[in-house]
Amino acid sequence: ILEVACLECHNNTGEGVAASGFSVVDYAAVMKGTELGPAVIPGSSMSSTLYRVIAGKTDPEIRMPPHHEESWAEGRGAPLGDEEIEKLAAWIDQGAKNN
């Protein structure tokens, strides 16, 4: 899910990494988090920034993917589906293992 939906911007040179320091290039990068701290708290999706920003539980300014007209016009920014969000929440809640 992260590779398909997030990697374009959150790779080692993408605008997402430039803005936040968060990369999804591999498991270690995801678990490292952002310049402000961890994005994933294993065992607690509600404490995990990654879950909160993709599930729309944050300020719209930091929601991911970005939901603004410019991003939609560029063919990006469509929110993840409920099933994808639920899968990521379950992965985090079950310990965010490297699988």
Protein backbone atom coordinates (compact mmCIF):
# COMPACT_ATOMS: atom_id res chain seq x y z
CA ILE A 1 0.00 0.00 0.00
CA LEU A 2 2.76 2.43 0.94
CA GLU A 3 4.76 1.60 -2.18
CA VAL A 4 1.79 2.18 -4.48
CA ALA A 5 0.26 5.20 -2.74
CA CYS A 6 3.19 6.99 -1.11
CA LEU A 7 6.52 6.14 -2.72
CA GLU A 8 6.24 8.66 -5.56
CA CYS A 9 6.62 11.54 -3.08
CA HIS A 10 8.14 9.77 -0.08
CA ASN A 11 11.20 8.30 -1.77
CA ASN A 12 14.70 9.46 -0.91
CA THR A 13 14.49 12.51 -3.18
CA GLY A 14 10.75 13.25 -3.33
CA GLU A 15 8.88 16.31 -2.16
CA GLY A 16 7.38 14.36 0.75
CA VAL A 17 10.82 13.60 2.14
CA ALA A 18 11.92 17.19 1.57
CA ALA A 19 8.91 18.47 3.49
CA SER A 20 8.82 15.99 6.37
CA GLY A 21 11.85 13.73 6.29
CA PHE A 22 9.51 10.72 5.98
CA SER A 23 10.50 8.06 3.48
CA VAL A 24 8.79 4.78 2.61
CA VAL A 25 11.64 3.30 0.56
CA ASP A 26 11.91 0.37 2.95
CA TYR A 27 10.79 -0.88 6.34
CA ALA A 28 13.66 0.79 8.21
CA ALA A 29 12.80 4.17 6.69
CA VAL A 30 9.11 3.82 7.61
CA MET A 31 10.01 2.89 11.18
CA LYS A 32 12.54 5.75 11.43
CA GLY A 33 9.70 8.22 10.94
CA THR A 34 10.02 11.93 10.34
CA GLU A 35 12.20 14.79 11.49
CA LEU A 36 9.74 15.14 14.39
CA GLY A 37 9.83 11.51 15.52
CA PRO A 38 8.32 8.12 14.76
CA ALA A 39 5.44 7.87 12.30
CA VAL A 40 4.51 4.35 13.42
CA ILE A 41 3.96 3.32 17.03
CA PRO A 42 3.78 -0.50 16.88
CA GLY A 43 0.63 -1.71 18.58
CA SER A 44 -1.25 1.60 18.37
CA SER A 45 -2.58 2.92 15.10
CA MET A 46 -4.28 5.82 16.90
CA SER A 47 -0.90 6.91 18.30
CA SER A 48 0.75 6.58 14.87
CA THR A 49 1.07 9.68 12.76
CA LEU A 50 1.13 7.57 9.61
CA TYR A 51 -2.33 6.18 10.32
CA ARG A 52 -3.76 9.51 11.44
CA VAL A 53 -2.63 11.42 8.34
CA ILE A 54 -3.93 8.81 5.88
CA ALA A 55 -7.20 8.24 7.76
CA GLY A 56 -8.08 11.94 7.81
CA LYS A 57 -7.74 12.26 11.57
CA THR A 58 -5.48 15.32 11.39
CA ASP A 59 -5.67 18.89 10.21
CA PRO A 60 -6.42 18.88 6.46
CA GLU A 61 -3.15 20.74 5.84
CA ILE A 62 -1.13 17.63 6.74
CA ARG A 63 -3.51 14.98 5.45
CA MET A 64 -1.94 12.44 3.11
CA PRO A 65 -2.01 12.13 0.28
CA PRO A 66 -2.37 15.88 -0.14
CA HIS A 67 -5.97 16.76 -0.88
CA HIS A 68 -5.88 19.98 -2.81
CA GLU A 69 -6.81 20.92 -6.35
CA GLU A 70 -3.23 21.13 -7.56
CA SER A 71 -2.42 17.59 -6.43
CA TRP A 72 -5.62 16.20 -7.96
CA ALA A 73 -4.87 18.01 -11.25
CA GLU A 74 -1.46 16.32 -11.26
CA GLY A 75 -3.11 12.91 -10.91
CA ARG A 76 -2.19 12.40 -7.27
CA GLY A 77 -3.88 13.08 -4.02
CA ALA A 78 -6.71 10.57 -4.17
CA PRO A 79 -7.32 9.36 -0.63
CA LEU A 80 -6.71 5.74 0.23
CA GLY A 81 -9.75 3.52 0.30
CA ASP A 82 -11.29 2.35 3.55
CA GLU A 83 -9.92 -1.17 3.02
CA GLU A 84 -6.37 0.10 2.55
CA ILE A 85 -6.64 2.32 5.62
CA GLU A 86 -8.02 -0.58 7.67
CA LYS A 87 -5.16 -2.84 6.50
CA LEU A 88 -2.56 -0.29 7.55
CA ALA A 89 -4.29 0.19 10.91
CA ALA A 90 -4.37 -3.59 11.46
CA TRP A 91 -0.69 -3.88 10.52
CA ILE A 92 0.23 -1.20 13.04
CA ASP A 93 -2.08 -2.57 15.75
CA GLN A 94 -0.58 -6.04 15.29
CA GLY A 95 2.92 -4.73 15.96
CA ALA A 96 4.01 -3.24 12.59
CA LYS A 97 6.17 -6.25 11.78
CA ASN A 98 8.54 -6.31 8.81
CA ASN A 99 6.46 -8.55 6.56
